[in-house]
Every structure is written in C-alpha cells, then in structure tokens.
C-alpha cells in the first residue's frame, strides 16, 4: 500500500482504538464507529479487488454508503470517479466512456443511461468488459471532472500524495478550533467536499452525511434554505464547507434571528468569489468564516485563511505543501500539488501550474484574486461556466440571433438577447430560451434574460471587427440592465 494511503488508514485505526463507539460517520442509515467504518470499507475493498481491472464509478447520494465505497476504492488502489448529480446525461455518458470505467455503483435512476452506455447490471455492480483502458497517468487514484465549463468536462487525474496532503493540511488548519462534528453540505462528488470529509476523519471528528434532498439541495443551484438551515441547526454541526451562495443564506438567517450561530466554530467557504461585505457581515455575527481558494488541477485547496491568520479580501496564505508565485502578466502559478495529468493527454511534467486566475501576493504572503484570464466565469454556487458554450446553445435555433451570458458570482445566469427577427414576441424568445435550457445542466441554464434595444455591433463598440463579443464593453454598457435583471 502506498505511504499516503497507509498513513491515512493508520490514523483511522488509531481513532478506532482510542474513540470506542464515537461515531465516525452518521446518516439516515444510522451511526458507525471508526471500527465499524473500517470493517465496512475493508469488506467493500475486498469486493472491488475481486472484479476485473478498470476505473470504478460512483453515482450515489451523500450518505455513509457513498463514503464506504469511496474509501474502499482508495484502500483497494482502484481509480475512482465520482459522478455529480448536477451533470447532464450527456456529460455523465462522456465521463463514463472517457475514463475507462468498467464498474459502476449507481442510484436506480441511472439504470437507463447505463444500459445505453453498454453496461450490464449484476448482483452488486453495473459492469462492462475491459476494452482498452483509458490511458491513466501512473498513480491515479481519483478522477475528478471539471463542472462542465464546456460541453465535455475534462478529467483531472490525481494521485494519493496530492489528495492526502491537502486533507492533512485542512485538518491542521482547523485543529485549533477543534470541531467535533462535520456536516457535509456539498455533494461528495465535489472534490472540495470529498477532501473536507477526509480531513474530518483525520481529525477524529464525526462526519454527518445526509442525502442532498434532506438538506434542501437540488442540482447545482437549487436550495430550500429553510430545510438547509434546519438541518445545520438540528445536526449540531461545528464545521462546514460552503459555497458563497449558501454562506449568504446562513448569514442572512442569523442576522434576521431565524437561527442561532450555535456551535459552529469553523466554516470554510470557497468554490467562487466571496464578497468582502459578506465576510464582514459574518465577522460581525461572530461567525468563524474562513475563505479559501483552489482548483481541481491542484487537488482542490491551495490557499486558506485560518484561525490566527486571516485577512479580509484575501483567500489566505498558501498551504504549507504548495508554493504560489505571480507571473509577469499577473497570472497565479502554483507548484507542489499539481495533477498527474488530464485524462487522455500527456502526463503533466512541469513544476508550475497556470491557474488562469489573476492576482497578487501582499507583503505578508496573503493571496488576493483579481479576476480570471479567460471568459469562463464561476457562479456563486461554485460551478464553472463558459459563456460561449451557453451562447452557442441559445443561438443554434431559429429565434435568437445574438446572445451574451453573464453569471460571475451570481446565483443564476443572466442573458442579453437579440432575436433573429425583431418582430418576434418576448414569449417566443422565452420559448427559445427554455428550449435551450432543457439541453443544458442546471448550473449553465439562463435564469433571466432581457431583449436588447439594438443588436451588438462594431459601431456600438460591443463587437470586434471580426464579430466577437467585446465582453467588458458589454458589461459596462449594460451594467444597469444586468443589475436590474439580477434583482428582478
């Protein structure tokens, strides 16, 4: 067993000896001590080892069972891909066929899709005979797919060393707060949550895993805040990882007296830009919120504010195992925790990974982000969206001639539209929008739109000479319109 795996599972064995019946994980199915957790994981690892080689795919809702299988794949050394529920059917198909999956454990709702992909249902798993495995970089233990910034998500191949270093540093970062109960709010298929759970287990905490519907979360951007906040309060959670939109709901509820801060002592927030004003509101409530920054290609978390080392407006200092520097053009570069490579591409052999984000390091080493180099934006739910992809979907029919999509830091994507025929009614345009939305995953859909008063043009400064959108100019010119849409 590789050293990183060995160290992780040795720590869990130590907890099993020291903590008795203290629950390692609890959910709808009950509570499981650390000793019981290890038994369940070991049994499943044996089952996996009896299967033909290939990648193992998990499509299970949050719960103890999902964690057992995720850890079993880690123990067995079998590459594992966790499929997010918020991916579209086409994206899931791409992931399954692209990553050399031979074994799937999935919810019943995926049965038809799996059959269409050629998988055969067995007593325990869906399986497909190995047929020329995907070229995985040596040492791959987990494949995490980007959240679909284009139609076909990219598979990021990660090794145990990178994953366990991040999990260990997250545990150390929260150690002074000593949270004993960790509630997994995000799907386990999200790498940030996956490693948050590992960190909690390393700390000997109790991990609470409820189905997403029980938390009031549906897809990538649908939230029943009343249910979510109730679950946080009733669980007695002391630690959470949230995306900005969920933090906003928590802070607002506490401000309005709808819930108490309770025992929360370490709330990490990441996945997208967090407004300084929201962090200041949390601080005023005494809510211990720590903003971080990371990306899948660097095994999730790269920088993190932490108790005793926090600076408002920054995403924190780099974790000890990574180095961060700023390129001449302002791009943030990271070394020390890079991916093994993208699936189907040559292994990554460089030292510094270009993040695509712009930023600077202040005199005390805190990283401040200034935006993204390219057009891709991140919604307030932490989902990556390439606007050109959505715009192409909108304009591929016969109704919409021009489209501009914006969603940076927003809970829902906004669109400015110009019809092919100016005589088309708003109802007809809306019909075209809804048709396009049906083919997109929920995080990429347009939630509100506005008809343009005139088409984009080079003369108006909204198009380049070769017909490409001048995005910054459009944002400036239509700032008031977009702001109104956002609050409509």
Foldseek 3Di string as FASTA:
>chain_A
DDPLLVVLVVLLVVLCVVVPQAFQEQEPVGTAGSVRLVVLLCVLLVVVVVDDAWEEEEADFWDSVSVSNLNSLVVNVHEYAYDDPLADLQQVLLVCVQQGHFWYAHDPVCVVSLVVSPWDDDPGITGDPGDPGFDAFPQFRYWAWAQPQFPHTWTFTAHSVLLSVVLCLVLVQCVVLLWQEEEEQDTCSPLVSVSPSSNNSSSSHYYYIYGNVQLQDDHLQGGDLVSNVVCCVVRQGQEYEAFQVNLLSVLVCCVVVVDALGNHREYEYELADHDLVSVVSCVVNVHHYKAFDADVQQSGTFAIAGVPFDDRQFRHAGRPQKDWDADPVQWIWIFRRGTLPITNDDGDDDGIDGPQWGWHADPVRTIHTDGGNDQWAAASSNHIHNQVNLQCLLCVDQWWPGKDWDHHHASFIEIETETPDNVDDPVVSVVSLVVSQVVGRVRHHHPYYDYDPDDDDVVVVQADPVGHGPVVVCCVVCVVVVVVRRVD
